[in-house]
Amino acid sequence: MKFGLRVVAVLVVVLVAAGFIFYRYPLWVADQQLRFHLWREGVKSEYVEAGGYRLHYFEAVPSNGGGTPLVLVHGLGARGEDWAAMIPALAARGFHVYVPDMLGYGRSPRPDVDYSISLEEQTVAQFMQAMHVPRADVGGWSMGGWIAMKLALDHPEMVDRLVVYDSAGVYFPATWEPVLFTPSDILGVKKLISMLTPKPRPLPDFAAEAALRKLEGNAWVVKRSMLAMTNGRDLLDFRLHGITQPMLIVWGSQDDLIPLSVGEVIHKSVPQSVLNVVEGCGHLAPAECSAPVVEGTVEFLKSEPPMRGGEKTFAAR
């Protein structure tokens, strides 16, 4: 009887401790679950020396080995884990997937640099060289799409096929201020979320406070990135016609952050590009609508001869 009571007491203590940890550090708990999921799916979490920095990256290989090299570049304030819904699915379809944490983000270093698009483009090139991947299909999401397009223009020998998801990189009249990405209170966090997804889930205040702490910790990097992006030096408006690679443009039809009209401008500027619109999705289409996004991505990357021109609409599911 006493032994049973001790067991119950221990369980109560464990549950209380677990509850406290979740309440105080909900994002940390979510991260551990996400990383465990990736590990269980065979996705490796590693580090590599590239350009003088120790970059963190994820890597997933098809079950039969080999695979077509595919490098995925995340966006502003993001990290490699944001591709979690797509990495195992793409590896299962025959791609050798590489997903670096860009300089300043995720588990990569945060040196005192300008965090410009040019710098991050150089980081991707150095990462590929360090991984002995001289040429690959390259995909980029949001700011990462800007980086991927610039890499395709500056180093065409490194990019086979190009995919961008809800991408930045050309001028458009934004309906938001740069401070959107560095909120100072819970209301600001919820506003950011509402811009990223058309169907935001209710966010408890304790989770919003945890998100705020995390955002504040990396705010200086995000501010430098935003400053570098808004000075106009790396804008691609007058260079897009120089993209020669087969190109897929994927966009959420309800993206309030970077509207579909931007994707249409890119599509018109690159004659051989294909535009896939995912109905009912916002800026987070690769995460929240991963099934149709993966379907369209694989169809494009595996097409022989390469798909060129045209538009297609996918329904979210």
C-alpha atoms as a PDB file:
ATOM      1  CA  MET A   1       0.000   0.000   0.000  1.00  0.00           C
ATOM      2  CA  LYS A   2       2.794   2.431   0.972  1.00  0.00           C
ATOM      3  CA  PHE A   3       4.677   1.531  -2.219  1.00  0.00           C
ATOM      4  CA  GLY A   4       1.565   2.317  -4.290  1.00  0.00           C
ATOM      5  CA  LEU A   5       1.172   5.678  -2.566  1.00  0.00           C
ATOM      6  CA  ARG A   6       4.816   6.517  -3.270  1.00  0.00           C
ATOM      7  CA  VAL A   7       4.329   5.671  -6.944  1.00  0.00           C
ATOM      8  CA  VAL A   8       1.260   7.902  -7.095  1.00  0.00           C
ATOM      9  CA  ALA A   9       3.142  10.712  -5.358  1.00  0.00           C
ATOM     10  CA  VAL A  10       6.031  10.437  -7.819  1.00  0.00           C
ATOM     11  CA  LEU A  11       3.612  10.497 -10.761  1.00  0.00           C
ATOM     12  CA  VAL A  12       1.896  13.591  -9.383  1.00  0.00           C
ATOM     13  CA  VAL A  13       5.235  15.358  -8.987  1.00  0.00           C
ATOM     14  CA  VAL A  14       6.250  14.384 -12.530  1.00  0.00           C
ATOM     15  CA  LEU A  15       2.947  15.583 -13.980  1.00  0.00           C
ATOM     16  CA  VAL A  16       3.131  18.871 -12.086  1.00  0.00           C
ATOM     17  CA  ALA A  17       6.713  19.407 -13.250  1.00  0.00           C
ATOM     18  CA  ALA A  18       5.772  18.547 -16.833  1.00  0.00           C
ATOM     19  CA  GLY A  19       2.835  20.944 -16.675  1.00  0.00           C
ATOM     20  CA  PHE A  20       5.048  23.727 -15.357  1.00  0.00           C
ATOM     21  CA  ILE A  21       7.641  23.147 -18.086  1.00  0.00           C
ATOM     22  CA  PHE A  22       4.959  23.202 -20.778  1.00  0.00           C
ATOM     23  CA  TYR A  23       3.387  26.345 -19.309  1.00  0.00           C
ATOM     24  CA  ARG A  24       6.703  28.174 -18.985  1.00  0.00           C
ATOM     25  CA  TYR A  25       8.414  26.818 -22.100  1.00  0.00           C
ATOM     26  CA  PRO A  26       5.712  25.699 -24.572  1.00  0.00           C
ATOM     27  CA  LEU A  27       7.840  26.446 -27.636  1.00  0.00           C
ATOM     28  CA  TRP A  28      10.745  24.407 -26.276  1.00  0.00           C
ATOM     29  CA  VAL A  29       8.398  21.466 -25.713  1.00  0.00           C
ATOM     30  CA  ALA A  30       6.998  21.865 -29.238  1.00  0.00           C
ATOM     31  CA  ASP A  31      10.539  21.983 -30.639  1.00  0.00           C
ATOM     32  CA  GLN A  32      11.471  18.735 -28.923  1.00  0.00           C
ATOM     33  CA  GLN A  33       8.393  17.036 -30.334  1.00  0.00           C
ATOM     34  CA  LEU A  34       9.125  18.360 -33.818  1.00  0.00           C
ATOM     35  CA  ARG A  35      12.762  17.307 -33.722  1.00  0.00           C
ATOM     36  CA  PHE A  36      11.802  13.872 -32.442  1.00  0.00           C
ATOM     37  CA  HIS A  37       9.370  13.542 -35.362  1.00  0.00           C
ATOM     38  CA  LEU A  38      12.100  14.458 -37.848  1.00  0.00           C
ATOM     39  CA  TRP A  39      14.541  12.028 -36.225  1.00  0.00           C
ATOM     40  CA  ARG A  40      11.951   9.252 -36.341  1.00  0.00           C
ATOM     41  CA  GLU A  41      11.472   9.968 -40.054  1.00  0.00           C
ATOM     42  CA  GLY A  42      15.198   9.484 -40.617  1.00  0.00           C
ATOM     43  CA  VAL A  43      16.098  13.175 -40.932  1.00  0.00           C
ATOM     44  CA  LYS A  44      19.602  13.896 -39.636  1.00  0.00           C
ATOM     45  CA  SER A  45      20.477  17.018 -37.652  1.00  0.00           C
ATOM     46  CA  GLU A  46      24.133  17.942 -38.212  1.00  0.00           C
ATOM     47  CA  TYR A  47      26.691  20.764 -38.341  1.00  0.00           C
ATOM     48  CA  VAL A  48      29.213  21.702 -41.027  1.00  0.00           C
ATOM     49  CA  GLU A  49      31.981  24.305 -41.285  1.00  0.00           C
ATOM     50  CA  ALA A  50      31.098  26.659 -44.128  1.00  0.00           C
ATOM     51  CA  GLY A  51      32.524  30.098 -44.822  1.00  0.00           C
ATOM     52  CA  GLY A  52      34.190  30.185 -41.421  1.00  0.00           C
ATOM     53  CA  TYR A  53      30.970  29.410 -39.532  1.00  0.00           C
ATOM     54  CA  ARG A  54      29.563  26.234 -37.985  1.00  0.00           C
ATOM     55  CA  LEU A  55      26.188  25.987 -39.705  1.00  0.00           C
ATOM     56  CA  HIS A  56      23.409  23.710 -38.516  1.00  0.00           C
ATOM     57  CA  TYR A  57      21.468  21.770 -41.135  1.00  0.00           C
ATOM     58  CA  PHE A  58      18.995  18.949 -41.654  1.00  0.00           C
ATOM     59  CA  GLU A  59      19.606  16.212 -44.204  1.00  0.00           C
ATOM     60  CA  ALA A  60      17.271  13.497 -45.480  1.00  0.00           C
ATOM     61  CA  VAL A  61      18.195  10.758 -47.931  1.00  0.00           C
ATOM     62  CA  PRO A  62      15.847   8.448 -49.873  1.00  0.00           C
ATOM     63  CA  SER A  63      15.579   4.943 -48.421  1.00  0.00           C
ATOM     64  CA  ASN A  64      17.498   3.508 -51.386  1.00  0.00           C
ATOM     65  CA  GLY A  65      20.280   6.108 -51.058  1.00  0.00           C
ATOM     66  CA  GLY A  66      21.401   8.636 -53.636  1.00  0.00           C
ATOM     67  CA  GLY A  67      18.635  10.948 -54.758  1.00  0.00           C
ATOM     68  CA  THR A  68      18.469  14.263 -56.591  1.00  0.00           C
ATOM     69  CA  PRO A  69      20.125  17.016 -54.511  1.00  0.00           C
ATOM     70  CA  LEU A  70      17.584  19.575 -53.282  1.00  0.00           C
ATOM     71  CA  VAL A  71      18.549  22.547 -51.099  1.00  0.00           C
ATOM     72  CA  LEU A  72      15.753  24.348 -49.226  1.00  0.00           C
ATOM     73  CA  VAL A  73      16.269  27.890 -47.879  1.00  0.00           C
ATOM     74  CA  HIS A  74      14.037  29.241 -45.103  1.00  0.00           C
ATOM     75  CA  GLY A  75      12.763  32.786 -44.677  1.00  0.00           C
ATOM     76  CA  LEU A  76      13.057  35.777 -42.357  1.00  0.00           C
ATOM     77  CA  GLY A  77      12.994  34.922 -38.659  1.00  0.00           C
ATOM     78  CA  ALA A  78      12.637  31.242 -39.544  1.00  0.00           C
ATOM     79  CA  ARG A  79      14.807  28.093 -39.393  1.00  0.00           C
ATOM     80  CA  GLY A  80      15.223  24.691 -40.951  1.00  0.00           C
ATOM     81  CA  GLU A  81      12.483  23.139 -38.814  1.00  0.00           C
ATOM     82  CA  ASP A  82       9.927  25.223 -40.702  1.00  0.00           C
ATOM     83  CA  TRP A  83      10.334  22.784 -43.623  1.00  0.00           C
ATOM     84  CA  ALA A  84       9.492  19.814 -41.360  1.00  0.00           C
ATOM     85  CA  ALA A  85       6.238  19.002 -43.147  1.00  0.00           C
ATOM     86  CA  MET A  86       8.041  18.693 -46.491  1.00  0.00           C
ATOM     87  CA  ILE A  87      11.473  17.206 -45.748  1.00  0.00           C
ATOM     88  CA  PRO A  88      10.469  13.545 -45.184  1.00  0.00           C
ATOM     89  CA  ALA A  89       7.882  13.682 -47.983  1.00  0.00           C
ATOM     90  CA  LEU A  90      10.430  14.953 -50.510  1.00  0.00           C
ATOM     91  CA  ALA A  91      13.047  12.395 -49.410  1.00  0.00           C
ATOM     92  CA  ALA A  92      10.442   9.656 -49.845  1.00  0.00           C
ATOM     93  CA  ARG A  93       9.946  10.842 -53.423  1.00  0.00           C
ATOM     94  CA  GLY A  94      13.606  10.466 -54.322  1.00  0.00           C
ATOM     95  CA  PHE A  95      15.262  13.727 -53.280  1.00  0.00           C
ATOM     96  CA  HIS A  96      18.410  14.104 -51.194  1.00  0.00           C
ATOM     97  CA  VAL A  97      17.254  17.060 -49.126  1.00  0.00           C
ATOM     98  CA  TYR A  98      19.577  19.605 -47.496  1.00  0.00           C
ATOM     99  CA  VAL A  99      18.081  22.292 -45.226  1.00  0.00           C
ATOM    100  CA  PRO A 100      20.555  24.734 -43.641  1.00  0.00           C
ATOM    101  CA  ASP A 101      19.801  27.154 -40.838  1.00  0.00           C
ATOM    102  CA  MET A 102      20.852  30.433 -42.431  1.00  0.00           C
ATOM    103  CA  LEU A 103      23.445  32.617 -40.745  1.00  0.00           C
ATOM    104  CA  GLY A 104      21.752  34.345 -37.810  1.00  0.00           C
ATOM    105  CA  TYR A 105      18.886  31.869 -37.549  1.00  0.00           C
ATOM    106  CA  GLY A 106      17.991  28.559 -35.942  1.00  0.00           C
ATOM    107  CA  ARG A 107      21.013  26.826 -34.457  1.00  0.00           C
ATOM    108  CA  SER A 108      23.549  28.563 -36.703  1.00  0.00           C
ATOM    109  CA  PRO A 109      25.831  31.374 -35.390  1.00  0.00           C
ATOM    110  CA  ARG A 110      24.707  34.990 -35.092  1.00  0.00           C
ATOM    111  CA  PRO A 111      27.808  37.069 -35.891  1.00  0.00           C
ATOM    112  CA  ASP A 112      27.907  40.870 -36.048  1.00  0.00           C
ATOM    113  CA  VAL A 113      27.236  41.209 -39.809  1.00  0.00           C
ATOM    114  CA  ASP A 114      24.687  42.988 -42.026  1.00  0.00           C
ATOM    115  CA  TYR A 115      22.490  39.916 -42.793  1.00  0.00           C
ATOM    116  CA  SER A 116      21.866  41.109 -46.328  1.00  0.00           C
ATOM    117  CA  ILE A 117      20.434  38.945 -49.086  1.00  0.00           C
ATOM    118  CA  SER A 118      23.878  38.933 -50.705  1.00  0.00           C
ATOM    119  CA  LEU A 119      25.470  37.636 -47.497  1.00  0.00           C
ATOM    120  CA  GLU A 120      22.884  34.881 -47.088  1.00  0.00           C
ATOM    121  CA  GLU A 121      23.243  33.953 -50.774  1.00  0.00           C
ATOM    122  CA  GLN A 122      26.961  33.566 -50.155  1.00  0.00           C
ATOM    123  CA  THR A 123      26.147  31.404 -47.108  1.00  0.00           C
ATOM    124  CA  VAL A 124      24.061  29.039 -49.266  1.00  0.00           C
ATOM    125  CA  ALA A 125      26.843  28.796 -51.863  1.00  0.00           C
ATOM    126  CA  GLN A 126      29.424  28.086 -49.156  1.00  0.00           C
ATOM    127  CA  PHE A 127      27.130  25.515 -47.551  1.00  0.00           C
ATOM    128  CA  MET A 128      26.722  23.671 -50.852  1.00  0.00           C
ATOM    129  CA  GLN A 129      30.480  23.708 -51.396  1.00  0.00           C
ATOM    130  CA  ALA A 130      31.094  22.392 -47.871  1.00  0.00           C
ATOM    131  CA  MET A 131      28.559  19.596 -48.472  1.00  0.00           C
ATOM    132  CA  HIS A 132      30.219  18.737 -51.820  1.00  0.00           C
ATOM    133  CA  VAL A 133      27.036  19.575 -53.712  1.00  0.00           C
ATOM    134  CA  PRO A 134      28.269  21.500 -56.783  1.00  0.00           C
ATOM    135  CA  ARG A 135      24.803  21.688 -58.350  1.00  0.00           C
ATOM    136  CA  ALA A 136      21.284  21.116 -57.033  1.00  0.00           C
ATOM    137  CA  ASP A 137      17.635  21.973 -57.355  1.00  0.00           C
ATOM    138  CA  VAL A 138      17.137  24.942 -55.024  1.00  0.00           C
ATOM    139  CA  GLY A 139      13.952  26.024 -53.277  1.00  0.00           C
ATOM    140  CA  GLY A 140      13.361  29.102 -51.151  1.00  0.00           C
ATOM    141  CA  TRP A 141      10.475  30.318 -49.008  1.00  0.00           C
ATOM    142  CA  SER A 142       9.734  34.044 -48.519  1.00  0.00           C
ATOM    143  CA  MET A 143      13.131  35.715 -47.923  1.00  0.00           C
ATOM    144  CA  GLY A 144      14.623  32.339 -48.822  1.00  0.00           C
ATOM    145  CA  GLY A 145      13.022  32.586 -52.271  1.00  0.00           C
ATOM    146  CA  TRP A 146      14.791  35.912 -52.762  1.00  0.00           C
ATOM    147  CA  ILE A 147      18.074  34.268 -51.770  1.00  0.00           C
ATOM    148  CA  ALA A 148      17.430  31.308 -54.099  1.00  0.00           C
ATOM    149  CA  MET A 149      16.602  33.546 -57.083  1.00  0.00           C
ATOM    150  CA  LYS A 150      19.727  35.638 -56.511  1.00  0.00           C
ATOM    151  CA  LEU A 151      21.825  32.471 -56.318  1.00  0.00           C
ATOM    152  CA  ALA A 152      20.321  31.292 -59.623  1.00  0.00           C
ATOM    153  CA  LEU A 153      21.240  34.632 -61.214  1.00  0.00           C
ATOM    154  CA  ASP A 154      24.732  35.028 -59.740  1.00  0.00           C
ATOM    155  CA  HIS A 155      25.747  31.355 -59.827  1.00  0.00           C
ATOM    156  CA  PRO A 156      23.669  29.647 -62.541  1.00  0.00           C
ATOM    157  CA  GLU A 157      26.132  26.765 -62.570  1.00  0.00           C
ATOM    158  CA  MET A 158      24.994  25.820 -59.043  1.00  0.00           C
ATOM    159  CA  VAL A 159      21.224  25.766 -59.659  1.00  0.00           C
ATOM    160  CA  ASP A 160      19.526  23.143 -61.805  1.00  0.00           C
ATOM    161  CA  ARG A 161      15.825  23.873 -61.230  1.00  0.00           C
ATOM    162  CA  LEU A 162      14.455  26.696 -59.094  1.00  0.00           C
ATOM    163  CA  VAL A 163      11.387  26.717 -56.822  1.00  0.00           C
ATOM    164  CA  VAL A 164      10.150  29.691 -54.795  1.00  0.00           C
ATOM    165  CA  TYR A 165       7.322  29.724 -52.265  1.00  0.00           C
ATOM    166  CA  ASP A 166       5.502  32.998 -51.441  1.00  0.00           C
ATOM    167  CA  SER A 167       8.749  34.744 -52.260  1.00  0.00           C
ATOM    168  CA  ALA A 168      10.101  38.202 -51.560  1.00  0.00           C
ATOM    169  CA  GLY A 169      12.597  39.842 -53.910  1.00  0.00           C
ATOM    170  CA  VAL A 170      10.681  42.419 -55.955  1.00  0.00           C
ATOM    171  CA  TYR A 171       9.195  45.726 -54.883  1.00  0.00           C
ATOM    172  CA  PHE A 172       5.551  45.853 -53.828  1.00  0.00           C
ATOM    173  CA  PRO A 173       3.583  48.333 -51.686  1.00  0.00           C
ATOM    174  CA  ALA A 174       3.469  46.533 -48.351  1.00  0.00           C
ATOM    175  CA  THR A 175       0.408  46.926 -46.120  1.00  0.00           C
ATOM    176  CA  TRP A 176       2.534  46.430 -42.992  1.00  0.00           C
ATOM    177  CA  GLU A 177       5.478  48.095 -41.270  1.00  0.00           C
ATOM    178  CA  PRO A 178       8.839  46.335 -40.706  1.00  0.00           C
ATOM    179  CA  VAL A 179       8.158  46.336 -36.936  1.00  0.00           C
ATOM    180  CA  LEU A 180       5.587  43.601 -37.666  1.00  0.00           C
ATOM    181  CA  PHE A 181       8.433  41.078 -37.419  1.00  0.00           C
ATOM    182  CA  THR A 182       9.763  42.345 -34.098  1.00  0.00           C
ATOM    183  CA  PRO A 183       6.668  42.690 -31.887  1.00  0.00           C
ATOM    184  CA  SER A 184       7.031  44.184 -28.429  1.00  0.00           C
ATOM    185  CA  ASP A 185       3.843  42.828 -26.878  1.00  0.00           C
ATOM    186  CA  ILE A 186       1.333  39.979 -27.117  1.00  0.00           C
ATOM    187  CA  LEU A 187      -0.947  41.977 -29.404  1.00  0.00           C
ATOM    188  CA  GLY A 188       1.956  42.349 -31.827  1.00  0.00           C
ATOM    189  CA  VAL A 189       2.598  38.592 -31.779  1.00  0.00           C
ATOM    190  CA  LYS A 190      -1.021  37.869 -32.615  1.00  0.00           C
ATOM    191  CA  LYS A 191      -0.986  40.467 -35.400  1.00  0.00           C
ATOM    192  CA  LEU A 192       2.082  38.805 -36.933  1.00  0.00           C
ATOM    193  CA  ILE A 193       0.384  35.416 -36.826  1.00  0.00           C
ATOM    194  CA  SER A 194      -2.765  36.809 -38.414  1.00  0.00           C
ATOM    195  CA  MET A 195      -0.666  38.103 -41.329  1.00  0.00           C
ATOM    196  CA  LEU A 196       0.978  34.725 -41.838  1.00  0.00           C
ATOM    197  CA  THR A 197      -2.119  32.527 -41.949  1.00  0.00           C
ATOM    198  CA  PRO A 198      -5.729  33.150 -42.985  1.00  0.00           C
ATOM    199  CA  LYS A 199      -6.983  30.833 -40.248  1.00  0.00           C
ATOM    200  CA  PRO A 200      -4.958  31.569 -37.089  1.00  0.00           C
ATOM    201  CA  ARG A 201      -5.595  29.225 -34.188  1.00  0.00           C
ATOM    202  CA  PRO A 202      -6.449  30.702 -30.784  1.00  0.00           C
ATOM    203  CA  LEU A 203      -3.174  31.419 -28.988  1.00  0.00           C
ATOM    204  CA  PRO A 204      -3.187  31.321 -25.162  1.00  0.00           C
ATOM    205  CA  ASP A 205      -1.409  34.258 -23.558  1.00  0.00           C
ATOM    206  CA  PHE A 206       1.269  32.022 -22.001  1.00  0.00           C
ATOM    207  CA  ALA A 207       2.141  30.687 -25.469  1.00  0.00           C
ATOM    208  CA  ALA A 208       2.114  34.213 -26.918  1.00  0.00           C
ATOM    209  CA  GLU A 209       4.449  35.352 -24.120  1.00  0.00           C
ATOM    210  CA  ALA A 210       6.829  32.501 -24.951  1.00  0.00           C
ATOM    211  CA  ALA A 211       6.727  33.447 -28.632  1.00  0.00           C
ATOM    212  CA  LEU A 212       7.415  37.072 -27.690  1.00  0.00           C
ATOM    213  CA  ARG A 213      10.498  36.070 -25.662  1.00  0.00           C
ATOM    214  CA  LYS A 214      11.792  34.041 -28.573  1.00  0.00           C
ATOM    215  CA  LEU A 215      11.167  36.801 -31.107  1.00  0.00           C
ATOM    216  CA  GLU A 216      12.830  39.398 -28.878  1.00  0.00           C
ATOM    217  CA  GLY A 217      15.914  37.200 -28.563  1.00  0.00           C
ATOM    218  CA  ASN A 218      16.535  37.334 -32.318  1.00  0.00           C
ATOM    219  CA  ALA A 219      15.045  40.781 -32.998  1.00  0.00           C
ATOM    220  CA  TRP A 220      18.388  42.439 -33.724  1.00  0.00           C
ATOM    221  CA  VAL A 221      19.140  39.948 -36.507  1.00  0.00           C
ATOM    222  CA  VAL A 222      15.669  40.369 -38.015  1.00  0.00           C
ATOM    223  CA  LYS A 223      15.997  44.157 -37.884  1.00  0.00           C
ATOM    224  CA  ARG A 224      19.313  44.026 -39.730  1.00  0.00           C
ATOM    225  CA  SER A 225      17.839  41.659 -42.310  1.00  0.00           C
ATOM    226  CA  MET A 226      14.859  43.970 -42.824  1.00  0.00           C
ATOM    227  CA  LEU A 227      17.106  47.033 -43.107  1.00  0.00           C
ATOM    228  CA  ALA A 228      19.230  45.275 -45.722  1.00  0.00           C
ATOM    229  CA  MET A 229      16.155  44.149 -47.667  1.00  0.00           C
ATOM    230  CA  THR A 230      14.412  47.521 -47.652  1.00  0.00           C
ATOM    231  CA  ASN A 231      17.417  49.535 -48.839  1.00  0.00           C
ATOM    232  CA  GLY A 232      16.709  48.202 -52.328  1.00  0.00           C
ATOM    233  CA  ARG A 233      20.239  47.136 -53.214  1.00  0.00           C
ATOM    234  CA  ASP A 234      19.393  43.461 -53.675  1.00  0.00           C
ATOM    235  CA  LEU A 235      15.968  43.874 -55.307  1.00  0.00           C
ATOM    236  CA  LEU A 236      15.586  41.691 -58.400  1.00  0.00           C
ATOM    237  CA  ASP A 237      12.910  43.615 -60.358  1.00  0.00           C
ATOM    238  CA  PHE A 238      15.224  44.358 -63.275  1.00  0.00           C
ATOM    239  CA  ARG A 239      17.114  41.062 -63.135  1.00  0.00           C
ATOM    240  CA  LEU A 240      14.359  38.464 -63.155  1.00  0.00           C
ATOM    241  CA  HIS A 241      14.476  38.130 -66.955  1.00  0.00           C
ATOM    242  CA  GLY A 242      18.002  36.772 -66.490  1.00  0.00           C
ATOM    243  CA  ILE A 243      16.798  33.634 -64.730  1.00  0.00           C
ATOM    244  CA  THR A 244      17.345  30.815 -67.222  1.00  0.00           C
ATOM    245  CA  GLN A 245      16.563  27.783 -65.085  1.00  0.00           C
ATOM    246  CA  PRO A 246      13.183  26.019 -65.198  1.00  0.00           C
ATOM    247  CA  MET A 247      11.279  27.769 -62.395  1.00  0.00           C
ATOM    248  CA  LEU A 248       8.254  26.914 -60.260  1.00  0.00           C
ATOM    249  CA  ILE A 249       6.456  29.662 -58.330  1.00  0.00           C
ATOM    250  CA  VAL A 250       4.174  28.419 -55.524  1.00  0.00           C
ATOM    251  CA  TRP A 251       1.818  30.846 -53.771  1.00  0.00           C
ATOM    252  CA  GLY A 252      -0.928  30.731 -51.193  1.00  0.00           C
ATOM    253  CA  SER A 253      -3.985  32.453 -52.672  1.00  0.00           C
ATOM    254  CA  GLN A 254      -4.674  34.193 -49.337  1.00  0.00           C
ATOM    255  CA  ASP A 255      -1.163  35.406 -48.561  1.00  0.00           C
ATOM    256  CA  ASP A 256      -1.629  38.767 -46.798  1.00  0.00           C
ATOM    257  CA  LEU A 257       2.090  39.258 -46.151  1.00  0.00           C
ATOM    258  CA  ILE A 258       3.344  38.995 -49.749  1.00  0.00           C
ATOM    259  CA  PRO A 259       0.270  38.993 -51.983  1.00  0.00           C
ATOM    260  CA  LEU A 260      -0.299  36.723 -54.949  1.00  0.00           C
ATOM    261  CA  SER A 261       0.146  39.736 -57.249  1.00  0.00           C
ATOM    262  CA  VAL A 262       3.881  39.575 -56.443  1.00  0.00           C
ATOM    263  CA  GLY A 263       4.003  35.957 -57.606  1.00  0.00           C
ATOM    264  CA  GLU A 264       2.218  36.968 -60.790  1.00  0.00           C
ATOM    265  CA  VAL A 265       4.826  39.689 -61.427  1.00  0.00           C
ATOM    266  CA  ILE A 266       7.642  37.172 -61.024  1.00  0.00           C
ATOM    267  CA  HIS A 267       5.787  34.714 -63.279  1.00  0.00           C
ATOM    268  CA  LYS A 268       5.391  37.304 -66.051  1.00  0.00           C
ATOM    269  CA  SER A 269       9.052  38.318 -65.744  1.00  0.00           C
ATOM    270  CA  VAL A 270      10.350  34.753 -66.134  1.00  0.00           C
ATOM    271  CA  PRO A 271       8.759  33.355 -69.329  1.00  0.00           C
ATOM    272  CA  GLN A 272       9.652  29.730 -68.628  1.00  0.00           C
ATOM    273  CA  SER A 273       8.218  29.801 -65.099  1.00  0.00           C
ATOM    274  CA  VAL A 274       5.220  27.811 -63.886  1.00  0.00           C
ATOM    275  CA  LEU A 275       2.827  29.333 -61.331  1.00  0.00           C
ATOM    276  CA  ASN A 276       1.046  27.057 -58.846  1.00  0.00           C
ATOM    277  CA  VAL A 277      -1.610  28.738 -56.697  1.00  0.00           C
ATOM    278  CA  VAL A 278      -2.721  26.889 -53.556  1.00  0.00           C
ATOM    279  CA  GLU A 279      -6.276  27.934 -52.781  1.00  0.00           C
ATOM    280  CA  GLY A 280      -7.194  28.761 -49.192  1.00  0.00           C
ATOM    281  CA  CYS A 281      -3.602  29.028 -47.967  1.00  0.00           C
ATOM    282  CA  GLY A 282      -1.569  31.991 -46.792  1.00  0.00           C
ATOM    283  CA  HIS A 283       2.126  32.763 -46.434  1.00  0.00           C
ATOM    284  CA  LEU A 284       2.750  29.482 -44.605  1.00  0.00           C
ATOM    285  CA  ALA A 285       1.626  27.286 -47.500  1.00  0.00           C
ATOM    286  CA  PRO A 286       4.663  24.908 -47.353  1.00  0.00           C
ATOM    287  CA  ALA A 287       3.831  24.159 -43.701  1.00  0.00           C
ATOM    288  CA  GLU A 288       0.049  24.431 -43.491  1.00  0.00           C
ATOM    289  CA  CYS A 289      -0.749  23.106 -46.978  1.00  0.00           C
ATOM    290  CA  SER A 290       2.197  20.776 -47.425  1.00  0.00           C
ATOM    291  CA  ALA A 291       0.336  18.011 -49.300  1.00  0.00           C
ATOM    292  CA  PRO A 292      -0.562  20.029 -52.437  1.00  0.00           C
ATOM    293  CA  VAL A 293       2.695  21.978 -52.191  1.00  0.00           C
ATOM    294  CA  VAL A 294       4.737  18.755 -52.168  1.00  0.00           C
ATOM    295  CA  GLU A 295       2.605  17.363 -54.992  1.00  0.00           C
ATOM    296  CA  GLY A 296       3.231  20.377 -57.198  1.00  0.00           C
ATOM    297  CA  THR A 297       6.915  20.564 -56.281  1.00  0.00           C
ATOM    298  CA  VAL A 298       7.604  16.911 -57.081  1.00  0.00           C
ATOM    299  CA  GLU A 299       5.628  17.071 -60.332  1.00  0.00           C
ATOM    300  CA  PHE A 300       7.717  20.037 -61.451  1.00  0.00           C
ATOM    301  CA  LEU A 301      11.117  18.749 -60.341  1.00  0.00           C
ATOM    302  CA  LYS A 302      10.587  15.322 -61.891  1.00  0.00           C
ATOM    303  CA  SER A 303       9.062  16.478 -65.189  1.00  0.00           C
ATOM    304  CA  GLU A 304      10.988  15.506 -68.316  1.00  0.00           C
ATOM    305  CA  PRO A 305      11.362  17.623 -70.298  1.00  0.00           C
ATOM    306  CA  PRO A 306      11.166  20.366 -67.665  1.00  0.00           C
ATOM    307  CA  MET A 307       7.789  22.045 -67.327  1.00  0.00           C
ATOM    308  CA  ARG A 308       7.876  25.532 -68.835  1.00  0.00           C
ATOM    309  CA  GLY A 309       5.170  28.167 -68.623  1.00  0.00           C
ATOM    310  CA  GLY A 310       1.568  27.925 -67.500  1.00  0.00           C
ATOM    311  CA  GLU A 311      -0.499  28.169 -64.325  1.00  0.00           C
ATOM    312  CA  LYS A 312      -2.150  25.590 -62.109  1.00  0.00           C
ATOM    313  CA  THR A 313      -4.399  25.799 -59.065  1.00  0.00           C
ATOM    314  CA  PHE A 314      -4.310  23.350 -56.159  1.00  0.00           C
ATOM    315  CA  ALA A 315      -6.944  23.044 -53.458  1.00  0.00           C
ATOM    316  CA  ALA A 316      -5.739  23.041 -49.842  1.00  0.00           C
ATOM    317  CA  ARG A 317      -6.381  19.838 -47.967  1.00  0.00           C
END
